[in-house]
PDB file of N, CA and C in Angstrom:
ATOM      1  N   MET A   1      34.867 -45.684  -7.596  1.00  0.00           N
ATOM      2  CA  MET A   1      35.848 -46.087  -6.284  1.00  0.00           C
ATOM      3  C   MET A   1      37.056 -46.449  -6.813  1.00  0.00           C
ATOM      4  N   LEU A   2      37.457 -46.933  -8.099  1.00  0.00           N
ATOM      5  CA  LEU A   2      38.725 -47.124  -8.661  1.00  0.00           C
ATOM      6  C   LEU A   2      39.803 -46.306  -8.837  1.00  0.00           C
ATOM      7  N   ASP A   3      38.992 -45.065  -9.020  1.00  0.00           N
ATOM      8  CA  ASP A   3      39.675 -43.526  -9.418  1.00  0.00           C
ATOM      9  C   ASP A   3      40.450 -43.391  -8.063  1.00  0.00           C
ATOM     10  N   THR A   4      40.534 -43.889  -6.898  1.00  0.00           N
ATOM     11  CA  THR A   4      40.848 -43.824  -5.251  1.00  0.00           C
ATOM     12  C   THR A   4      42.232 -44.764  -5.259  1.00  0.00           C
ATOM     13  N   LEU A   5      42.288 -45.792  -6.160  1.00  0.00           N
ATOM     14  CA  LEU A   5      43.636 -46.641  -5.821  1.00  0.00           C
ATOM     15  C   LEU A   5      44.647 -45.851  -6.311  1.00  0.00           C
ATOM     16  N   VAL A   6      45.608 -46.128  -5.685  1.00  0.00           N
ATOM     17  CA  VAL A   6      47.151 -45.536  -5.798  1.00  0.00           C
ATOM     18  C   VAL A   6      47.844 -46.691  -6.718  1.00  0.00           C
ATOM     19  N   PRO A   7      48.281 -45.950  -7.886  1.00  0.00           N
ATOM     20  CA  PRO A   7      49.555 -46.963  -8.482  1.00  0.00           C
ATOM     21  C   PRO A   7      50.406 -47.547  -7.941  1.00  0.00           C
ATOM     22  N   ALA A   8      50.908 -48.832  -8.170  1.00  0.00           N
ATOM     23  CA  ALA A   8      52.023 -49.691  -7.340  1.00  0.00           C
ATOM     24  C   ALA A   8      53.272 -48.792  -7.936  1.00  0.00           C
ATOM     25  N   GLY A   9      53.888 -48.389  -6.854  1.00  0.00           N
ATOM     26  CA  GLY A   9      55.399 -47.924  -7.237  1.00  0.00           C
ATOM     27  C   GLY A   9      55.309 -46.696  -6.734  1.00  0.00           C
ATOM     28  N   THR A  10      54.153 -46.224  -6.542  1.00  0.00           N
ATOM     29  CA  THR A  10      53.854 -44.484  -6.347  1.00  0.00           C
ATOM     30  C   THR A  10      54.420 -44.213  -4.819  1.00  0.00           C
ATOM     31  N   GLN A  11      55.083 -43.359  -4.701  1.00  0.00           N
ATOM     32  CA  GLN A  11      55.822 -42.703  -3.346  1.00  0.00           C
ATOM     33  C   GLN A  11      54.399 -42.171  -2.713  1.00  0.00           C
ATOM     34  N   GLN A  12      54.571 -42.675  -1.402  1.00  0.00           N
ATOM     35  CA  GLN A  12      53.449 -41.969  -0.456  1.00  0.00           C
ATOM     36  C   GLN A  12      53.997 -41.445   0.579  1.00  0.00           C
ATOM     37  N   THR A  13      53.342 -40.507   1.089  1.00  0.00           N
ATOM     38  CA  THR A  13      53.581 -39.828   2.343  1.00  0.00           C
ATOM     39  C   THR A  13      53.542 -40.866   3.848  1.00  0.00           C
ATOM     40  N   GLY A  14      52.613 -41.717   3.694  1.00  0.00           N
ATOM     41  CA  GLY A  14      52.619 -42.912   4.561  1.00  0.00           C
ATOM     42  C   GLY A  14      51.666 -42.006   5.872  1.00  0.00           C
ATOM     43  N   ALA A  15      51.346 -41.012   5.902  1.00  0.00           N
ATOM     44  CA  ALA A  15      50.304 -40.430   6.771  1.00  0.00           C
ATOM     45  C   ALA A  15      49.100 -40.024   6.285  1.00  0.00           C
ATOM     46  N   ALA A  16      48.251 -40.361   7.387  1.00  0.00           N
ATOM     47  CA  ALA A  16      46.575 -40.096   7.037  1.00  0.00           C
ATOM     48  C   ALA A  16      46.106 -39.486   8.412  1.00  0.00           C
ATOM     49  N   PHE A  17      45.154 -38.716   8.068  1.00  0.00           N
ATOM     50  CA  PHE A  17      44.540 -38.147   9.413  1.00  0.00           C
ATOM     51  C   PHE A  17      44.037 -39.167  10.224  1.00  0.00           C
ATOM     52  N   SER A  18      43.904 -39.023  11.388  1.00  0.00           N
ATOM     53  CA  SER A  18      43.293 -39.753  12.701  1.00  0.00           C
ATOM     54  C   SER A  18      41.678 -39.522  12.460  1.00  0.00           C
ATOM     55  N   THR A  19      40.511 -40.496  12.463  1.00  0.00           N
ATOM     56  CA  THR A  19      39.481 -40.432  12.630  1.00  0.00           C
ATOM     57  C   THR A  19      38.961 -39.035  13.412  1.00  0.00           C
ATOM     58  N   THR A  20      39.619 -38.843  14.777  1.00  0.00           N
ATOM     59  CA  THR A  20      39.357 -37.813  15.782  1.00  0.00           C
ATOM     60  C   THR A  20      39.720 -36.469  14.857  1.00  0.00           C
ATOM     61  N   ASP A  21      40.843 -36.340  14.314  1.00  0.00           N
ATOM     62  CA  ASP A  21      41.292 -35.191  13.474  1.00  0.00           C
ATOM     63  C   ASP A  21      40.312 -34.940  12.282  1.00  0.00           C
ATOM     64  N   LEU A  22      40.034 -35.921  11.806  1.00  0.00           N
ATOM     65  CA  LEU A  22      38.535 -35.698  10.633  1.00  0.00           C
ATOM     66  C   LEU A  22      37.675 -35.176  11.083  1.00  0.00           C
ATOM     67  N   LEU A  23      37.167 -35.490  12.337  1.00  0.00           N
ATOM     68  CA  LEU A  23      35.808 -35.412  13.036  1.00  0.00           C
ATOM     69  C   LEU A  23      35.924 -33.586  13.619  1.00  0.00           C
ATOM     70  N   LEU A  24      37.160 -33.461  14.169  1.00  0.00           N
ATOM     71  CA  LEU A  24      37.291 -32.108  14.575  1.00  0.00           C
ATOM     72  C   LEU A  24      37.224 -31.018  13.213  1.00  0.00           C
ATOM     73  N   LEU A  25      37.871 -31.332  12.564  1.00  0.00           N
ATOM     74  CA  LEU A  25      37.904 -30.453  10.992  1.00  0.00           C
ATOM     75  C   LEU A  25      36.823 -30.540  10.642  1.00  0.00           C
ATOM     76  N   ARG A  26      35.671 -31.512  10.528  1.00  0.00           N
ATOM     77  CA  ARG A  26      34.199 -31.394  10.058  1.00  0.00           C
ATOM     78  C   ARG A  26      33.497 -30.633  10.953  1.00  0.00           C
ATOM     79  N   GLY A  27      33.606 -30.750  12.298  1.00  0.00           N
ATOM     80  CA  GLY A  27      32.935 -29.974  13.206  1.00  0.00           C
ATOM     81  C   GLY A  27      33.235 -28.555  13.210  1.00  0.00           C
ATOM     82  N   TRP A  28      34.614 -28.231  13.100  1.00  0.00           N
ATOM     83  CA  TRP A  28      35.205 -27.052  13.185  1.00  0.00           C
ATOM     84  C   TRP A  28      34.748 -26.286  11.603  1.00  0.00           C
ATOM     85  N   SER A  29      34.919 -26.729  10.681  1.00  0.00           N
ATOM     86  CA  SER A  29      34.437 -26.379   9.262  1.00  0.00           C
ATOM     87  C   SER A  29      33.098 -25.872   9.211  1.00  0.00           C
ATOM     88  N   GLU A  30      32.132 -26.799   9.846  1.00  0.00           N
ATOM     89  CA  GLU A  30      30.569 -26.355   9.868  1.00  0.00           C
ATOM     90  C   GLU A  30      30.338 -25.185  10.598  1.00  0.00           C
ATOM     91  N   PHE A  31      30.778 -25.510  11.785  1.00  0.00           N
ATOM     92  CA  PHE A  31      30.836 -24.126  12.828  1.00  0.00           C
ATOM     93  C   PHE A  31      31.004 -22.760  12.333  1.00  0.00           C
ATOM     94  N   HIS A  32      32.405 -22.956  11.227  1.00  0.00           N
ATOM     95  CA  HIS A  32      32.793 -21.639  10.730  1.00  0.00           C
ATOM     96  C   HIS A  32      32.409 -21.251   8.994  1.00  0.00           C
ATOM     97  N   GLY A  33      31.224 -22.282   8.698  1.00  0.00           N
ATOM     98  CA  GLY A  33      30.620 -22.012   7.699  1.00  0.00           C
ATOM     99  C   GLY A  33      31.694 -22.177   6.332  1.00  0.00           C
ATOM    100  N   LEU A  34      32.472 -23.431   6.483  1.00  0.00           N
ATOM    101  CA  LEU A  34      33.111 -23.474   5.348  1.00  0.00           C
ATOM    102  C   LEU A  34      32.664 -25.049   4.877  1.00  0.00           C
ATOM    103  N   SER A  35      33.084 -25.310   3.672  1.00  0.00           N
ATOM    104  CA  SER A  35      32.707 -26.546   3.157  1.00  0.00           C
ATOM    105  C   SER A  35      33.959 -27.300   3.250  1.00  0.00           C
ATOM    106  N   MET A  36      33.932 -28.739   3.403  1.00  0.00           N
ATOM    107  CA  MET A  36      34.781 -29.452   3.218  1.00  0.00           C
ATOM    108  C   MET A  36      34.975 -30.864   2.617  1.00  0.00           C
ATOM    109  N   GLY A  37      36.071 -30.989   2.133  1.00  0.00           N
ATOM    110  CA  GLY A  37      36.061 -32.052   1.125  1.00  0.00           C
ATOM    111  C   GLY A  37      37.219 -32.998   1.183  1.00  0.00           C
ATOM    112  N   ILE A  38      37.596 -34.233   1.130  1.00  0.00           N
ATOM    113  CA  ILE A  38      38.718 -34.725   1.063  1.00  0.00           C
ATOM    114  C   ILE A  38      39.174 -35.445  -0.297  1.00  0.00           C
ATOM    115  N   ASP A  39      40.387 -35.242  -0.753  1.00  0.00           N
ATOM    116  CA  ASP A  39      40.621 -35.688  -2.012  1.00  0.00           C
ATOM    117  C   ASP A  39      41.992 -36.955  -1.608  1.00  0.00           C
ATOM    118  N   LEU A  40      41.618 -37.957  -2.135  1.00  0.00           N
ATOM    119  CA  LEU A  40      42.518 -39.148  -1.945  1.00  0.00           C
ATOM    120  C   LEU A  40      43.284 -39.445  -3.183  1.00  0.00           C
ATOM    121  N   ALA A  41      43.234 -38.540  -4.291  1.00  0.00           N
ATOM    122  CA  ALA A  41      44.122 -38.659  -5.399  1.00  0.00           C
ATOM    123  C   ALA A  41      45.124 -37.663  -5.404  1.00  0.00           C
ATOM    124  N   ARG A  42      45.528 -36.645  -4.351  1.00  0.00           N
ATOM    125  CA  ARG A  42      46.219 -35.621  -4.634  1.00  0.00           C
ATOM    126  C   ARG A  42      47.715 -35.875  -4.708  1.00  0.00           C
ATOM    127  N   ARG A  43      48.834 -35.156  -5.446  1.00  0.00           N
ATOM    128  CA  ARG A  43      49.979 -34.982  -5.306  1.00  0.00           C
ATOM    129  C   ARG A  43      50.040 -33.882  -4.847  1.00  0.00           C
ATOM    130  N   VAL A  44      51.179 -33.813  -3.982  1.00  0.00           N
ATOM    131  CA  VAL A  44      51.993 -32.355  -3.218  1.00  0.00           C
ATOM    132  C   VAL A  44      53.600 -32.429  -3.539  1.00  0.00           C
ATOM    133  N   ASP A  45      54.008 -31.700  -4.279  1.00  0.00           N
ATOM    134  CA  ASP A  45      55.511 -31.698  -4.451  1.00  0.00           C
ATOM    135  C   ASP A  45      55.887 -32.973  -4.894  1.00  0.00           C
ATOM    136  N   ASP A  46      55.000 -33.454  -5.916  1.00  0.00           N
ATOM    137  CA  ASP A  46      55.255 -34.562  -6.841  1.00  0.00           C
ATOM    138  C   ASP A  46      55.556 -36.215  -5.748  1.00  0.00           C
ATOM    139  N   VAL A  47      54.689 -35.797  -4.427  1.00  0.00           N
ATOM    140  CA  VAL A  47      54.593 -36.969  -3.676  1.00  0.00           C
ATOM    141  C   VAL A  47      53.001 -37.160  -3.347  1.00  0.00           C
ATOM    142  N   HIS A  48      52.762 -38.531  -3.482  1.00  0.00           N
ATOM    143  CA  HIS A  48      51.192 -38.683  -3.227  1.00  0.00           C
ATOM    144  C   HIS A  48      50.828 -38.794  -1.824  1.00  0.00           C
ATOM    145  N   CYS A  49      49.957 -38.040  -1.600  1.00  0.00           N
ATOM    146  CA  CYS A  49      49.440 -37.759  -0.205  1.00  0.00           C
ATOM    147  C   CYS A  49      48.148 -39.087   0.035  1.00  0.00           C
ATOM    148  N   ASP A  50      48.135 -39.596   1.166  1.00  0.00           N
ATOM    149  CA  ASP A  50      47.083 -40.487   1.233  1.00  0.00           C
ATOM    150  C   ASP A  50      45.953 -39.726   1.396  1.00  0.00           C
ATOM    151  N   GLU A  51      45.489 -38.481   1.987  1.00  0.00           N
ATOM    152  CA  GLU A  51      44.339 -37.638   2.000  1.00  0.00           C
ATOM    153  C   GLU A  51      44.683 -36.594   1.973  1.00  0.00           C
ATOM    154  N   VAL A  52      44.036 -35.286   1.292  1.00  0.00           N
ATOM    155  CA  VAL A  52      44.486 -34.057   1.518  1.00  0.00           C
ATOM    156  C   VAL A  52      42.782 -33.309   2.001  1.00  0.00           C
ATOM    157  N   VAL A  53      42.924 -32.669   2.864  1.00  0.00           N
ATOM    158  CA  VAL A  53      41.625 -31.974   3.664  1.00  0.00           C
ATOM    159  C   VAL A  53      41.238 -30.667   2.607  1.00  0.00           C
ATOM    160  N   LEU A  54      40.426 -30.272   2.046  1.00  0.00           N
ATOM    161  CA  LEU A  54      40.358 -29.093   1.190  1.00  0.00           C
ATOM    162  C   LEU A  54      39.003 -28.639   1.874  1.00  0.00           C
ATOM    163  N   LEU A  55      39.305 -27.128   2.607  1.00  0.00           N
ATOM    164  CA  LEU A  55      38.417 -26.444   2.921  1.00  0.00           C
ATOM    165  C   LEU A  55      37.962 -25.095   2.092  1.00  0.00           C
ATOM    166  N   ALA A  56      36.889 -24.769   2.114  1.00  0.00           N
ATOM    167  CA  ALA A  56      36.774 -23.758   1.146  1.00  0.00           C
ATOM    168  C   ALA A  56      35.609 -22.688   1.874  1.00  0.00           C
ATOM    169  N   ALA A  57      36.025 -21.276   1.977  1.00  0.00           N
ATOM    170  CA  ALA A  57      34.682 -20.668   2.501  1.00  0.00           C
ATOM    171  C   ALA A  57      33.647 -20.601   1.555  1.00  0.00           C
ATOM    172  N   ARG A  58      32.432 -20.405   1.958  1.00  0.00           N
ATOM    173  CA  ARG A  58      31.067 -20.918   1.037  1.00  0.00           C
ATOM    174  C   ARG A  58      31.110 -19.515   0.158  1.00  0.00           C
ATOM    175  N   ASP A  59      31.686 -18.189   0.680  1.00  0.00           N
ATOM    176  CA  ASP A  59      31.497 -16.934  -0.056  1.00  0.00           C
ATOM    177  C   ASP A  59      32.585 -16.705  -1.078  1.00  0.00           C
ATOM    178  N   GLY A  60      33.419 -17.774  -1.089  1.00  0.00           N
ATOM    179  CA  GLY A  60      34.703 -17.445  -1.984  1.00  0.00           C
ATOM    180  C   GLY A  60      35.745 -16.839  -1.467  1.00  0.00           C
ATOM    181  N   SER A  61      35.896 -16.464  -0.217  1.00  0.00           N
ATOM    182  CA  SER A  61      37.114 -15.612   0.328  1.00  0.00           C
ATOM    183  C   SER A  61      38.337 -16.393   0.614  1.00  0.00           C
ATOM    184  N   GLY A  62      37.988 -17.655   0.658  1.00  0.00           N
ATOM    185  CA  GLY A  62      39.478 -18.408   0.995  1.00  0.00           C
ATOM    186  C   GLY A  62      39.145 -20.049   0.575  1.00  0.00           C
ATOM    187  N   ARG A  63      40.495 -20.692   0.431  1.00  0.00           N
ATOM    188  CA  ARG A  63      40.514 -21.861   0.268  1.00  0.00           C
ATOM    189  C   ARG A  63      41.768 -22.367   0.898  1.00  0.00           C
ATOM    190  N   TRP A  64      41.690 -23.728   1.474  1.00  0.00           N
ATOM    191  CA  TRP A  64      43.084 -23.989   2.174  1.00  0.00           C
ATOM    192  C   TRP A  64      43.018 -25.484   1.974  1.00  0.00           C
ATOM    193  N   ALA A  65      44.257 -26.107   1.802  1.00  0.00           N
ATOM    194  CA  ALA A  65      44.717 -27.368   1.882  1.00  0.00           C
ATOM    195  C   ALA A  65      45.119 -27.864   3.078  1.00  0.00           C
ATOM    196  N   LEU A  66      44.979 -29.147   3.658  1.00  0.00           N
ATOM    197  CA  LEU A  66      45.714 -29.742   4.787  1.00  0.00           C
ATOM    198  C   LEU A  66      46.063 -31.002   4.537  1.00  0.00           C
ATOM    199  N   TRP A  67      47.226 -31.544   5.158  1.00  0.00           N
ATOM    200  CA  TRP A  67      47.871 -32.701   4.639  1.00  0.00           C
ATOM    201  C   TRP A  67      48.710 -33.220   5.791  1.00  0.00           C
ATOM    202  N   CYS A  68      49.135 -34.671   6.076  1.00  0.00           N
ATOM    203  CA  CYS A  68      49.951 -34.759   7.015  1.00  0.00           C
ATOM    204  C   CYS A  68      51.119 -35.444   6.130  1.00  0.00           C
ATOM    205  N   ASP A  69      52.443 -34.928   6.682  1.00  0.00           N
ATOM    206  CA  ASP A  69      53.727 -35.403   6.531  1.00  0.00           C
ATOM    207  C   ASP A  69      54.373 -35.755   7.732  1.00  0.00           C
ATOM    208  N   ARG A  70      55.504 -36.105   7.469  1.00  0.00           N
ATOM    209  CA  ARG A  70      56.666 -36.696   8.702  1.00  0.00           C
ATOM    210  C   ARG A  70      56.826 -35.364   9.767  1.00  0.00           C
ATOM    211  N   HIS A  71      56.557 -34.035   9.323  1.00  0.00           N
ATOM    212  CA  HIS A  71      56.932 -33.148  10.182  1.00  0.00           C
ATOM    213  C   HIS A  71      55.678 -32.573  11.130  1.00  0.00           C
ATOM    214  N   GLY A  72      54.486 -33.233  10.719  1.00  0.00           N
ATOM    215  CA  GLY A  72      53.255 -32.637  11.401  1.00  0.00           C
ATOM    216  C   GLY A  72      52.130 -32.467  10.334  1.00  0.00           C
ATOM    217  N   ILE A  73      51.444 -31.369  10.547  1.00  0.00           N
ATOM    218  CA  ILE A  73      50.271 -31.119   9.560  1.00  0.00           C
ATOM    219  C   ILE A  73      50.818 -29.817   8.658  1.00  0.00           C
ATOM    220  N   VAL A  74      50.426 -29.996   7.628  1.00  0.00           N
ATOM    221  CA  VAL A  74      50.672 -28.764   6.751  1.00  0.00           C
ATOM    222  C   VAL A  74      49.488 -28.271   5.937  1.00  0.00           C
ATOM    223  N   LEU A  75      49.314 -27.000   6.256  1.00  0.00           N
ATOM    224  CA  LEU A  75      48.350 -26.206   5.870  1.00  0.00           C
ATOM    225  C   LEU A  75      48.838 -25.280   4.834  1.00  0.00           C
ATOM    226  N   GLN A  76      48.283 -25.184   3.626  1.00  0.00           N
ATOM    227  CA  GLN A  76      48.540 -24.653   2.247  1.00  0.00           C
ATOM    228  C   GLN A  76      47.168 -23.632   2.021  1.00  0.00           C
ATOM    229  N   PRO A  77      47.495 -22.431   2.229  1.00  0.00           N
ATOM    230  CA  PRO A  77      46.152 -21.300   1.805  1.00  0.00           C
ATOM    231  C   PRO A  77      46.443 -21.374  -0.033  1.00  0.00           C
ATOM    232  N   GLN A  78      45.422 -21.237  -0.651  1.00  0.00           N
ATOM    233  CA  GLN A  78      45.373 -20.971  -2.007  1.00  0.00           C
ATOM    234  C   GLN A  78      46.267 -20.134  -2.642  1.00  0.00           C
ATOM    235  N   HIS A  79      47.140 -20.464  -3.411  1.00  0.00           N
ATOM    236  CA  HIS A  79      48.158 -19.480  -4.048  1.00  0.00           C
ATOM    237  C   HIS A  79      49.345 -18.913  -3.142  1.00  0.00           C
ATOM    238  N   ARG A  80      49.357 -19.747  -1.890  1.00  0.00           N
ATOM    239  CA  ARG A  80      50.326 -19.062  -1.007  1.00  0.00           C
ATOM    240  C   ARG A  80      51.290 -20.277  -0.136  1.00  0.00           C
ATOM    241  N   ALA A  81      52.191 -20.165   0.496  1.00  0.00           N
ATOM    242  CA  ALA A  81      53.120 -20.669   0.947  1.00  0.00           C
ATOM    243  C   ALA A  81      52.727 -21.744   1.936  1.00  0.00           C
ATOM    244  N   ALA A  82      52.974 -22.853   1.948  1.00  0.00           N
ATOM    245  CA  ALA A  82      52.527 -23.987   2.718  1.00  0.00           C
ATOM    246  C   ALA A  82      53.233 -23.603   4.277  1.00  0.00           C
ATOM    247  N   HIS A  83      52.607 -23.981   5.522  1.00  0.00           N
ATOM    248  CA  HIS A  83      53.198 -24.020   6.582  1.00  0.00           C
ATOM    249  C   HIS A  83      52.911 -25.369   7.626  1.00  0.00           C
ATOM    250  N   SER A  84      53.866 -25.563   8.460  1.00  0.00           N
ATOM    251  CA  SER A  84      53.888 -26.738   8.948  1.00  0.00           C
ATOM    252  C   SER A  84      53.297 -26.535  10.487  1.00  0.00           C
ATOM    253  N   PHE A  85      52.742 -27.304  11.011  1.00  0.00           N
ATOM    254  CA  PHE A  85      52.119 -27.188  12.286  1.00  0.00           C
ATOM    255  C   PHE A  85      52.078 -28.641  13.136  1.00  0.00           C
ATOM    256  N   ALA A  86      52.246 -28.600  14.484  1.00  0.00           N
ATOM    257  CA  ALA A  86      52.284 -29.965  15.178  1.00  0.00           C
ATOM    258  C   ALA A  86      51.083 -30.549  15.592  1.00  0.00           C
ATOM    259  N   THR A  87      50.004 -29.996  15.357  1.00  0.00           N
ATOM    260  CA  THR A  87      48.641 -30.274  15.575  1.00  0.00           C
ATOM    261  C   THR A  87      47.636 -30.017  14.752  1.00  0.00           C
ATOM    262  N   VAL A  88      46.581 -30.547  14.294  1.00  0.00           N
ATOM    263  CA  VAL A  88      45.517 -30.134  13.627  1.00  0.00           C
ATOM    264  C   VAL A  88      44.912 -28.885  14.403  1.00  0.00           C
ATOM    265  N   HIS A  89      44.830 -28.855  15.631  1.00  0.00           N
ATOM    266  CA  HIS A  89      44.176 -27.497  16.187  1.00  0.00           C
ATOM    267  C   HIS A  89      44.842 -26.411  16.015  1.00  0.00           C
ATOM    268  N   GLU A  90      46.265 -26.353  15.890  1.00  0.00           N
ATOM    269  CA  GLU A  90      46.984 -25.258  15.638  1.00  0.00           C
ATOM    270  C   GLU A  90      46.881 -24.817  14.107  1.00  0.00           C
ATOM    271  N   ALA A  91      46.559 -25.844  12.983  1.00  0.00           N
ATOM    272  CA  ALA A  91      46.593 -25.401  11.819  1.00  0.00           C
ATOM    273  C   ALA A  91      45.079 -24.766  11.686  1.00  0.00           C
ATOM    274  N   MET A  92      44.121 -25.005  12.294  1.00  0.00           N
ATOM    275  CA  MET A  92      42.811 -24.618  12.334  1.00  0.00           C
ATOM    276  C   MET A  92      42.670 -23.223  12.908  1.00  0.00           C
ATOM    277  N   ALA A  93      43.672 -22.845  14.134  1.00  0.00           N
ATOM    278  CA  ALA A  93      43.744 -21.653  14.631  1.00  0.00           C
ATOM    279  C   ALA A  93      44.523 -20.820  13.777  1.00  0.00           C
ATOM    280  N   ALA A  94      45.192 -21.284  12.800  1.00  0.00           N
ATOM    281  CA  ALA A  94      45.870 -20.240  11.877  1.00  0.00           C
ATOM    282  C   ALA A  94      44.753 -19.629  10.820  1.00  0.00           C
ATOM    283  N   ILE A  95      43.828 -20.561  10.468  1.00  0.00           N
ATOM    284  CA  ILE A  95      42.834 -19.913   9.456  1.00  0.00           C
ATOM    285  C   ILE A  95      41.640 -19.483   9.995  1.00  0.00           C
ATOM    286  N   ALA A  96      41.142 -19.536  11.557  1.00  0.00           N
ATOM    287  CA  ALA A  96      40.045 -19.532  12.057  1.00  0.00           C
ATOM    288  C   ALA A  96      40.118 -17.717  11.889  1.00  0.00           C
ATOM    289  N   PRO A  97      38.398 -17.267  11.557  1.00  0.00           N
ATOM    290  CA  PRO A  97      38.302 -15.933  11.452  1.00  0.00           C
ATOM    291  C   PRO A  97      38.502 -15.358  13.058  1.00  0.00           C
ATOM    292  N   PRO A  98      38.553 -13.942  12.855  1.00  0.00           N
ATOM    293  CA  PRO A  98      38.952 -13.399  13.949  1.00  0.00           C
ATOM    294  C   PRO A  98      37.679 -13.344  15.076  1.00  0.00           C
ATOM    295  N   SER A  99      37.787 -13.496  16.278  1.00  0.00           N
ATOM    296  CA  SER A  99      36.597 -13.810  17.163  1.00  0.00           C
ATOM    297  C   SER A  99      35.977 -12.172  16.991  1.00  0.00           C
ATOM    298  N   ALA A 100      34.663 -12.287  17.426  1.00  0.00           N
ATOM    299  CA  ALA A 100      33.861 -11.072  17.636  1.00  0.00           C
ATOM    300  C   ALA A 100      34.414 -10.460  18.960  1.00  0.00           C
ATOM    301  N   ASP A 101      34.173  -8.872  19.108  1.00  0.00           N
ATOM    302  CA  ASP A 101      34.650  -8.250  20.357  1.00  0.00           C
ATOM    303  C   ASP A 101      33.593  -8.527  21.136  1.00  0.00           C
ATOM    304  N   VAL A 102      34.275  -8.898  22.536  1.00  0.00           N
ATOM    305  CA  VAL A 102      33.637  -9.050  23.748  1.00  0.00           C
ATOM    306  C   VAL A 102      33.588  -7.979  24.339  1.00  0.00           C
ATOM    307  N   LEU A 103      32.436  -7.576  24.515  1.00  0.00           N
ATOM    308  CA  LEU A 103      31.958  -6.231  25.454  1.00  0.00           C
ATOM    309  C   LEU A 103      31.853  -6.550  26.981  1.00  0.00           C
ATOM    310  N   THR A 104      32.747  -5.918  27.776  1.00  0.00           N
ATOM    311  CA  THR A 104      32.674  -6.120  29.098  1.00  0.00           C
ATOM    312  C   THR A 104      32.219  -4.844  29.738  1.00  0.00           C
ATOM    313  N   ASP A 105      32.015  -3.725  29.151  1.00  0.00           N
ATOM    314  CA  ASP A 105      31.767  -2.763  30.034  1.00  0.00           C
ATOM    315  C   ASP A 105      30.405  -2.025  30.053  1.00  0.00           C
ATOM    316  N   ILE A 106      29.659  -3.141  29.877  1.00  0.00           N
ATOM    317  CA  ILE A 106      28.079  -2.740  29.588  1.00  0.00           C
ATOM    318  C   ILE A 106      27.641  -3.052  31.113  1.00  0.00           C
ATOM    319  N   GLN A 107      26.796  -2.482  31.898  1.00  0.00           N
ATOM    320  CA  GLN A 107      26.487  -2.568  33.337  1.00  0.00           C
ATOM    321  C   GLN A 107      24.757  -2.643  33.095  1.00  0.00           C
ATOM    322  N   ALA A 108      24.041  -3.715  33.489  1.00  0.00           N
ATOM    323  CA  ALA A 108      22.712  -3.595  33.551  1.00  0.00           C
ATOM    324  C   ALA A 108      22.267  -2.533  34.657  1.00  0.00           C
ATOM    325  N   THR A 109      21.121  -1.973  33.872  1.00  0.00           N
ATOM    326  CA  THR A 109      20.369  -1.123  34.795  1.00  0.00           C
ATOM    327  C   THR A 109      19.443  -1.667  35.688  1.00  0.00           C
ATOM    328  N   GLY A 110      19.155  -2.613  35.698  1.00  0.00           N
ATOM    329  CA  GLY A 110      18.098  -3.421  36.470  1.00  0.00           C
ATOM    330  C   GLY A 110      17.789  -4.912  36.084  1.00  0.00           C
ATOM    331  N   TRP A 111      17.318  -5.490  37.034  1.00  0.00           N
ATOM    332  CA  TRP A 111      16.681  -6.824  36.537  1.00  0.00           C
ATOM    333  C   TRP A 111      15.428  -7.027  36.903  1.00  0.00           C
TER     334      TRP A 111
END
């Protein structure tokens, strides 16, 4: 537990996810088969973040980090540039797998 303490004088972003955002992320990641973790001691661009949510595809096809900053929610895919979003929902939509095709031209032959 002591390893999660932030040393005195460390610059922090001052932003943490709300409980509702964390619950939304947990449910969304479970639905899409992603593992989710929270890192309380992560530094991003030499600034300590209060919490960084780490998402990873269980098949190893992708990893993402999300954190809060003064502009909103930041999403950074592994080894790629970070993008800023206004809400957690918008960030999740950016990494959501494509939806399955909806078949609308099927006619029932009888009931």
